[in-house]
Amino acid sequence: MGVLKQKNERTQTITVRVPGSVKAELDRLREETDAAGFDLNATLSEAVSRVTRQIREELHQAVGKDSAAARGGAKAGGPTATAGLRNGATV
């Protein structure tokens, strides 16, 4: 077992709109996890990373790996880029 650890990737902020009840629950959880000595941000970051990979895999299956959308050929904000997102979603 090695003692060297890789640097964590630099974090950045994203904005995601959620129902008010979910926001309130996250606020409560942040207080509780902080008091208990846990890092809610790290937990949520890992969850977002996992679901991002899952979305990518499902998208590739749905549209095919050789399509323009799967290769990133669609213009940002175009119909392919926003398909399936609810109005007001920020990604």
C-alpha atoms as a PDB file:
ATOM      1  CA  MET A   1       0.000   0.000   0.000  1.00  0.00           C
ATOM      2  CA  GLY A   2       1.480   3.316  -1.108  1.00  0.00           C
ATOM      3  CA  VAL A   3       1.563   6.423   1.026  1.00  0.00           C
ATOM      4  CA  LEU A   4       1.348   8.893  -1.866  1.00  0.00           C
ATOM      5  CA  LYS A   5      -2.063  10.358  -2.546  1.00  0.00           C
ATOM      6  CA  GLN A   6      -3.114  12.073  -5.739  1.00  0.00           C
ATOM      7  CA  LYS A   7      -4.265  15.664  -5.574  1.00  0.00           C
ATOM      8  CA  ASN A   8      -7.996  16.116  -5.594  1.00  0.00           C
ATOM      9  CA  GLU A   9      -9.335  17.781  -8.687  1.00  0.00           C
ATOM     10  CA  ARG A  10     -10.045  21.483  -8.187  1.00  0.00           C
ATOM     11  CA  THR A  11     -13.717  22.042  -7.399  1.00  0.00           C
ATOM     12  CA  GLN A  12     -16.051  24.480  -9.118  1.00  0.00           C
ATOM     13  CA  THR A  13     -19.559  25.697  -8.400  1.00  0.00           C
ATOM     14  CA  ILE A  14     -22.666  24.697 -10.366  1.00  0.00           C
ATOM     15  CA  THR A  15     -26.234  25.907  -9.997  1.00  0.00           C
ATOM     16  CA  VAL A  16     -29.092  23.438  -9.972  1.00  0.00           C
ATOM     17  CA  ARG A  17     -32.688  24.436  -9.327  1.00  0.00           C
ATOM     18  CA  VAL A  18     -34.496  22.108  -6.928  1.00  0.00           C
ATOM     19  CA  PRO A  19     -37.892  22.287  -5.225  1.00  0.00           C
ATOM     20  CA  GLY A  20     -37.954  24.464  -2.112  1.00  0.00           C
ATOM     21  CA  SER A  21     -38.604  21.453   0.093  1.00  0.00           C
ATOM     22  CA  VAL A  22     -35.407  19.781  -1.141  1.00  0.00           C
ATOM     23  CA  LYS A  23     -33.420  22.975  -0.516  1.00  0.00           C
ATOM     24  CA  ALA A  24     -34.815  23.200   3.012  1.00  0.00           C
ATOM     25  CA  GLU A  25     -33.923  19.563   3.680  1.00  0.00           C
ATOM     26  CA  LEU A  26     -30.377  20.090   2.389  1.00  0.00           C
ATOM     27  CA  ASP A  27     -30.025  23.122   4.663  1.00  0.00           C
ATOM     28  CA  ARG A  28     -31.114  21.016   7.650  1.00  0.00           C
ATOM     29  CA  LEU A  29     -28.813  18.181   6.641  1.00  0.00           C
ATOM     30  CA  ARG A  30     -25.875  20.577   6.301  1.00  0.00           C
ATOM     31  CA  GLU A  31     -26.397  21.763   9.890  1.00  0.00           C
ATOM     32  CA  GLU A  32     -26.722  18.198  11.171  1.00  0.00           C
ATOM     33  CA  THR A  33     -23.750  16.822   9.242  1.00  0.00           C
ATOM     34  CA  ASP A  34     -21.558  19.772  10.263  1.00  0.00           C
ATOM     35  CA  ALA A  35     -22.473  19.207  13.917  1.00  0.00           C
ATOM     36  CA  ALA A  36     -21.687  15.505  13.573  1.00  0.00           C
ATOM     37  CA  GLY A  37     -18.318  16.171  11.898  1.00  0.00           C
ATOM     38  CA  PHE A  38     -19.258  15.018   8.397  1.00  0.00           C
ATOM     39  CA  ASP A  39     -18.749  16.780   5.050  1.00  0.00           C
ATOM     40  CA  LEU A  40     -22.090  17.045   3.226  1.00  0.00           C
ATOM     41  CA  ASN A  41     -20.445  18.857   0.308  1.00  0.00           C
ATOM     42  CA  ALA A  42     -18.047  15.960  -0.328  1.00  0.00           C
ATOM     43  CA  THR A  43     -20.945  13.506  -0.148  1.00  0.00           C
ATOM     44  CA  LEU A  44     -23.069  15.508  -2.591  1.00  0.00           C
ATOM     45  CA  SER A  45     -20.096  16.040  -4.900  1.00  0.00           C
ATOM     46  CA  GLU A  46     -19.509  12.293  -5.123  1.00  0.00           C
ATOM     47  CA  ALA A  47     -23.224  11.678  -5.745  1.00  0.00           C
ATOM     48  CA  VAL A  48     -23.257  14.255  -8.569  1.00  0.00           C
ATOM     49  CA  SER A  49     -20.151  12.636 -10.076  1.00  0.00           C
ATOM     50  CA  ARG A  50     -21.820   9.212 -10.054  1.00  0.00           C
ATOM     51  CA  VAL A  51     -25.085  10.440 -11.575  1.00  0.00           C
ATOM     52  CA  THR A  52     -23.145  12.415 -14.219  1.00  0.00           C
ATOM     53  CA  ARG A  53     -21.426   9.211 -15.349  1.00  0.00           C
ATOM     54  CA  GLN A  54     -24.773   7.391 -15.342  1.00  0.00           C
ATOM     55  CA  ILE A  55     -26.403  10.117 -17.454  1.00  0.00           C
ATOM     56  CA  ARG A  56     -23.516   9.984 -19.932  1.00  0.00           C
ATOM     57  CA  GLU A  57     -23.837   6.190 -20.250  1.00  0.00           C
ATOM     58  CA  GLU A  58     -27.618   6.334 -20.687  1.00  0.00           C
ATOM     59  CA  LEU A  59     -27.296   9.154 -23.234  1.00  0.00           C
ATOM     60  CA  HIS A  60     -24.805   7.146 -25.262  1.00  0.00           C
ATOM     61  CA  GLN A  61     -27.184   4.183 -25.227  1.00  0.00           C
ATOM     62  CA  ALA A  62     -30.173   6.340 -26.182  1.00  0.00           C
ATOM     63  CA  VAL A  63     -28.616   8.319 -29.046  1.00  0.00           C
ATOM     64  CA  GLY A  64     -25.760   6.060 -30.088  1.00  0.00           C
ATOM     65  CA  LYS A  65     -22.074   6.688 -29.612  1.00  0.00           C
ATOM     66  CA  ASP A  66     -21.596   7.834 -33.216  1.00  0.00           C
ATOM     67  CA  SER A  67     -24.228  10.593 -33.222  1.00  0.00           C
ATOM     68  CA  ALA A  68     -23.256  14.262 -33.234  1.00  0.00           C
ATOM     69  CA  ALA A  69     -24.857  14.794 -29.818  1.00  0.00           C
ATOM     70  CA  ALA A  70     -22.850  11.972 -28.241  1.00  0.00           C
ATOM     71  CA  ARG A  71     -19.634  13.397 -29.711  1.00  0.00           C
ATOM     72  CA  GLY A  72     -20.457  16.871 -28.409  1.00  0.00           C
ATOM     73  CA  GLY A  73     -21.185  18.178 -31.892  1.00  0.00           C
ATOM     74  CA  ALA A  74     -24.466  19.828 -30.939  1.00  0.00           C
ATOM     75  CA  LYS A  75     -24.325  23.563 -30.343  1.00  0.00           C
ATOM     76  CA  ALA A  76     -24.519  24.621 -26.706  1.00  0.00           C
ATOM     77  CA  GLY A  77     -28.081  25.540 -25.856  1.00  0.00           C
ATOM     78  CA  GLY A  78     -29.436  23.908 -29.007  1.00  0.00           C
ATOM     79  CA  PRO A  79     -32.370  21.519 -28.986  1.00  0.00           C
ATOM     80  CA  THR A  80     -30.189  18.419 -28.612  1.00  0.00           C
ATOM     81  CA  ALA A  81     -28.223  19.940 -25.747  1.00  0.00           C
ATOM     82  CA  THR A  82     -31.350  20.697 -23.743  1.00  0.00           C
ATOM     83  CA  ALA A  83     -33.532  17.698 -24.612  1.00  0.00           C
ATOM     84  CA  GLY A  84     -35.030  16.157 -21.512  1.00  0.00           C
ATOM     85  CA  LEU A  85     -34.214  19.079 -19.187  1.00  0.00           C
ATOM     86  CA  ARG A  86     -37.053  20.742 -17.362  1.00  0.00           C
ATOM     87  CA  ASN A  87     -37.644  24.442 -17.965  1.00  0.00           C
ATOM     88  CA  GLY A  88     -35.449  26.526 -15.711  1.00  0.00           C
ATOM     89  CA  ALA A  89     -32.851  23.800 -15.123  1.00  0.00           C
ATOM     90  CA  THR A  90     -29.307  25.095 -14.961  1.00  0.00           C
ATOM     91  CA  VAL A  91     -26.506  22.739 -15.824  1.00  0.00           C
END
